Amino acid sequence: MSASTSQLYVVHATFRAPKAFVLRWCTDYSPKDAGLEGAKFRRRIVKRSRQKVVYEDLDNTSSGWMWSRWNITIQPPDRWHAEAVGNYRSWNIDYHLSSLPGDCTKLTLRGRRTPLLLGVKNPPRAELEAELTRTWKMFSRALEHDFRKSRSRRPAPRGHSGPH
């Protein structure tokens, strides 16, 4: 597919947690992440270091297997970058965190999606941005729950891993 078929999507989310916690939570990828989205994909962590995470997701859809491989570069203190390629689409996403008053954090996600091989054309911008916003609201609830839990027992081990 040519670059002309790619589409830019921008999503914002706000968390009632400090930026350092949000960065750790959002970049702690895990096979359990599908549950946060109410999805059933399977995740396999291929590689993990302080600055890099590589994982693969596999989902059984009505039209067959959907596979993607994600390469994440973590850039503390306030950003990470994700590149994914799969049999349906590729993504190139920049995540940026900004501190807000009251120990809150704003996430800005700017991602370019390109249909590949088996993929259909990109959904309309408003449709996919609304879907991603709903997903990040679910993540926000889980993140804020984990943050409250971590404050109630110091030092607190992280009980959850974040989304993609």
Protein backbone atom coordinates (compact mmCIF):
# COMPACT_ATOMS: atom_id res chain seq x y z
CA MET A 1 0.00 0.00 0.00
CA SER A 2 1.23 3.50 -0.67
CA ALA A 3 1.81 6.16 1.96
CA SER A 4 -1.16 8.06 0.54
CA THR A 5 -3.49 5.53 2.18
CA SER A 6 -2.14 6.27 5.64
CA GLN A 7 -4.24 8.29 8.04
CA LEU A 8 -3.21 10.36 11.07
CA TYR A 9 -5.21 9.91 14.28
CA VAL A 10 -4.88 12.02 17.44
CA VAL A 11 -6.27 11.04 20.82
CA HIS A 12 -6.02 12.69 24.25
CA ALA A 13 -6.50 11.11 27.66
CA THR A 14 -6.18 12.46 31.18
CA PHE A 15 -5.08 10.50 34.23
CA ARG A 16 -5.33 11.35 37.92
CA ALA A 17 -1.77 10.19 38.54
CA PRO A 18 1.69 11.75 38.21
CA LYS A 19 3.61 11.57 34.96
CA ALA A 20 6.27 9.10 36.21
CA PHE A 21 3.59 6.62 37.31
CA VAL A 22 1.69 7.00 34.03
CA LEU A 23 4.83 6.38 31.97
CA ARG A 24 5.70 3.22 33.94
CA TRP A 25 2.14 1.92 33.83
CA CYS A 26 1.58 2.58 30.12
CA THR A 27 4.90 1.00 29.05
CA ASP A 28 4.71 -2.11 31.25
CA TYR A 29 3.37 -4.33 28.47
CA SER A 30 2.02 -7.72 29.51
CA PRO A 31 0.08 -10.74 28.18
CA LYS A 32 -2.72 -9.60 30.55
CA ASP A 33 -3.32 -6.36 28.62
CA ALA A 34 -6.09 -7.79 26.44
CA GLY A 35 -8.36 -7.93 29.49
CA LEU A 36 -8.11 -4.16 29.91
CA GLU A 37 -9.61 -3.67 26.48
CA GLY A 38 -12.20 -6.39 26.86
CA ALA A 39 -10.40 -8.15 24.00
CA LYS A 40 -9.24 -11.71 23.54
CA PHE A 41 -5.99 -11.29 21.64
CA ARG A 42 -2.95 -13.20 22.82
CA ARG A 43 0.25 -11.29 23.55
CA ARG A 44 3.77 -12.69 23.57
CA ILE A 45 6.62 -10.59 24.92
CA VAL A 46 9.61 -11.15 22.62
CA LYS A 47 12.12 -8.78 24.25
CA ARG A 48 12.13 -6.39 27.17
CA SER A 49 14.69 -3.92 28.49
CA ARG A 50 14.46 -0.55 30.24
CA GLN A 51 14.26 1.29 26.93
CA LYS A 52 12.78 -1.28 24.51
CA VAL A 53 9.86 -3.69 24.40
CA VAL A 54 9.02 -5.97 21.50
CA TYR A 55 5.81 -7.96 21.55
CA GLU A 56 3.45 -9.75 19.21
CA ASP A 57 -0.34 -9.84 19.35
CA LEU A 58 -2.43 -12.55 17.75
CA ASP A 59 -6.20 -12.32 17.47
CA ASN A 60 -8.63 -14.85 16.00
CA THR A 61 -11.17 -12.79 14.04
CA SER A 62 -14.16 -13.82 11.94
CA SER A 63 -12.04 -13.36 8.81
CA GLY A 64 -8.95 -15.19 10.14
CA TRP A 65 -5.90 -14.50 12.25
CA MET A 66 -4.83 -10.90 12.82
CA TRP A 67 -1.16 -10.64 13.77
CA SER A 68 1.01 -7.65 14.65
CA ARG A 69 4.53 -7.14 15.96
CA TRP A 70 5.13 -4.01 18.05
CA ASN A 71 8.50 -2.34 18.66
CA ILE A 72 8.35 0.14 21.53
CA THR A 73 11.05 2.65 22.40
CA ILE A 74 10.64 4.18 25.86
CA GLN A 75 12.01 7.72 26.17
CA PRO A 76 11.74 8.87 29.80
CA PRO A 77 10.60 11.05 31.36
CA ASP A 78 7.60 11.79 29.16
CA ARG A 79 7.32 9.84 25.92
CA TRP A 80 7.48 6.58 24.05
CA HIS A 81 7.27 5.57 20.42
CA ALA A 82 5.63 2.49 18.90
CA GLU A 83 6.02 0.98 15.47
CA ALA A 84 3.91 -1.99 14.47
CA VAL A 85 3.59 -4.09 11.40
CA GLY A 86 1.06 -6.83 10.84
CA ASN A 87 -0.97 -8.64 8.25
CA TYR A 88 -3.81 -6.05 8.38
CA ARG A 89 -2.16 -2.69 9.13
CA SER A 90 0.92 -0.86 10.30
CA TRP A 91 1.04 1.82 12.99
CA ASN A 92 3.57 4.49 13.80
CA ILE A 93 2.60 6.13 17.11
CA ASP A 94 4.12 8.83 19.28
CA TYR A 95 2.91 9.11 22.86
CA HIS A 96 3.65 12.27 24.86
CA LEU A 97 2.84 12.98 28.50
CA SER A 98 2.33 16.45 29.99
CA SER A 99 1.99 17.27 33.67
CA LEU A 100 -1.26 18.92 34.72
CA PRO A 101 -2.13 20.60 38.03
CA GLY A 102 -3.08 18.38 40.94
CA ASP A 103 -0.68 15.53 40.10
CA CYS A 104 -2.60 14.74 36.92
CA THR A 105 -1.16 13.82 33.53
CA LYS A 106 -2.34 14.36 29.97
CA LEU A 107 -1.50 11.86 27.23
CA THR A 108 -1.40 12.89 23.59
CA LEU A 109 -1.26 10.01 21.14
CA ARG A 110 -0.46 10.82 17.51
CA GLY A 111 -0.56 7.75 15.32
CA ARG A 112 -0.41 7.08 11.62
CA ARG A 113 -2.22 3.92 10.49
CA THR A 114 -1.66 2.31 7.10
CA PRO A 115 -3.68 -0.66 5.79
CA LEU A 116 -1.52 -3.58 4.64
CA LEU A 117 -1.95 -6.86 2.76
CA LEU A 118 -5.30 -8.06 4.16
CA GLY A 119 -6.41 -4.73 5.57
CA VAL A 120 -9.35 -2.70 4.44
CA LYS A 121 -9.12 1.07 4.10
CA ASN A 122 -8.72 3.14 7.24
CA PRO A 123 -11.87 3.93 9.16
CA PRO A 124 -12.97 7.58 9.18
CA ARG A 125 -10.89 9.72 11.54
CA ALA A 126 -13.78 10.55 13.87
CA GLU A 127 -14.80 6.88 14.15
CA LEU A 128 -11.37 5.48 15.05
CA GLU A 129 -10.51 8.42 17.32
CA ALA A 130 -13.79 7.85 19.22
CA GLU A 131 -12.98 4.12 19.56
CA LEU A 132 -9.44 4.85 20.78
CA THR A 133 -10.77 7.46 23.21
CA ARG A 134 -13.16 4.88 24.70
CA THR A 135 -10.28 2.41 25.04
CA TRP A 136 -8.08 4.99 26.79
CA LYS A 137 -10.93 5.77 29.19
CA MET A 138 -10.90 2.10 30.21
CA PHE A 139 -7.12 2.28 30.61
CA SER A 140 -7.51 5.47 32.66
CA ARG A 141 -9.84 3.75 35.15
CA ALA A 142 -7.44 0.82 35.55
CA LEU A 143 -4.39 3.08 35.84
CA GLU A 144 -6.03 5.31 38.45
CA HIS A 145 -7.14 2.24 40.41
CA ASP A 146 -3.56 0.94 40.42
CA PHE A 147 -2.25 4.36 41.42
CA ARG A 148 -4.64 4.60 44.39
CA LYS A 149 -3.69 1.07 45.40
CA SER A 150 0.03 1.93 45.20
CA ARG A 151 -0.44 4.95 47.46
CA SER A 152 -2.24 2.91 50.11
CA ARG A 153 0.70 0.54 50.61
CA ARG A 154 4.16 1.97 50.18
CA PRO A 155 6.31 0.79 48.59
CA ALA A 156 3.73 -0.82 46.35
CA PRO A 157 4.50 -3.39 43.71
CA ARG A 158 2.76 -2.71 40.44
CA GLY A 159 -0.28 -4.90 40.14
CA HIS A 160 -0.93 -4.30 36.48
CA SER A 161 0.69 -3.70 33.18
CA GLY A 162 -0.32 -1.03 30.76
CA PRO A 163 -1.80 -0.97 27.24
CA HIS A 164 -0.35 -0.55 23.74
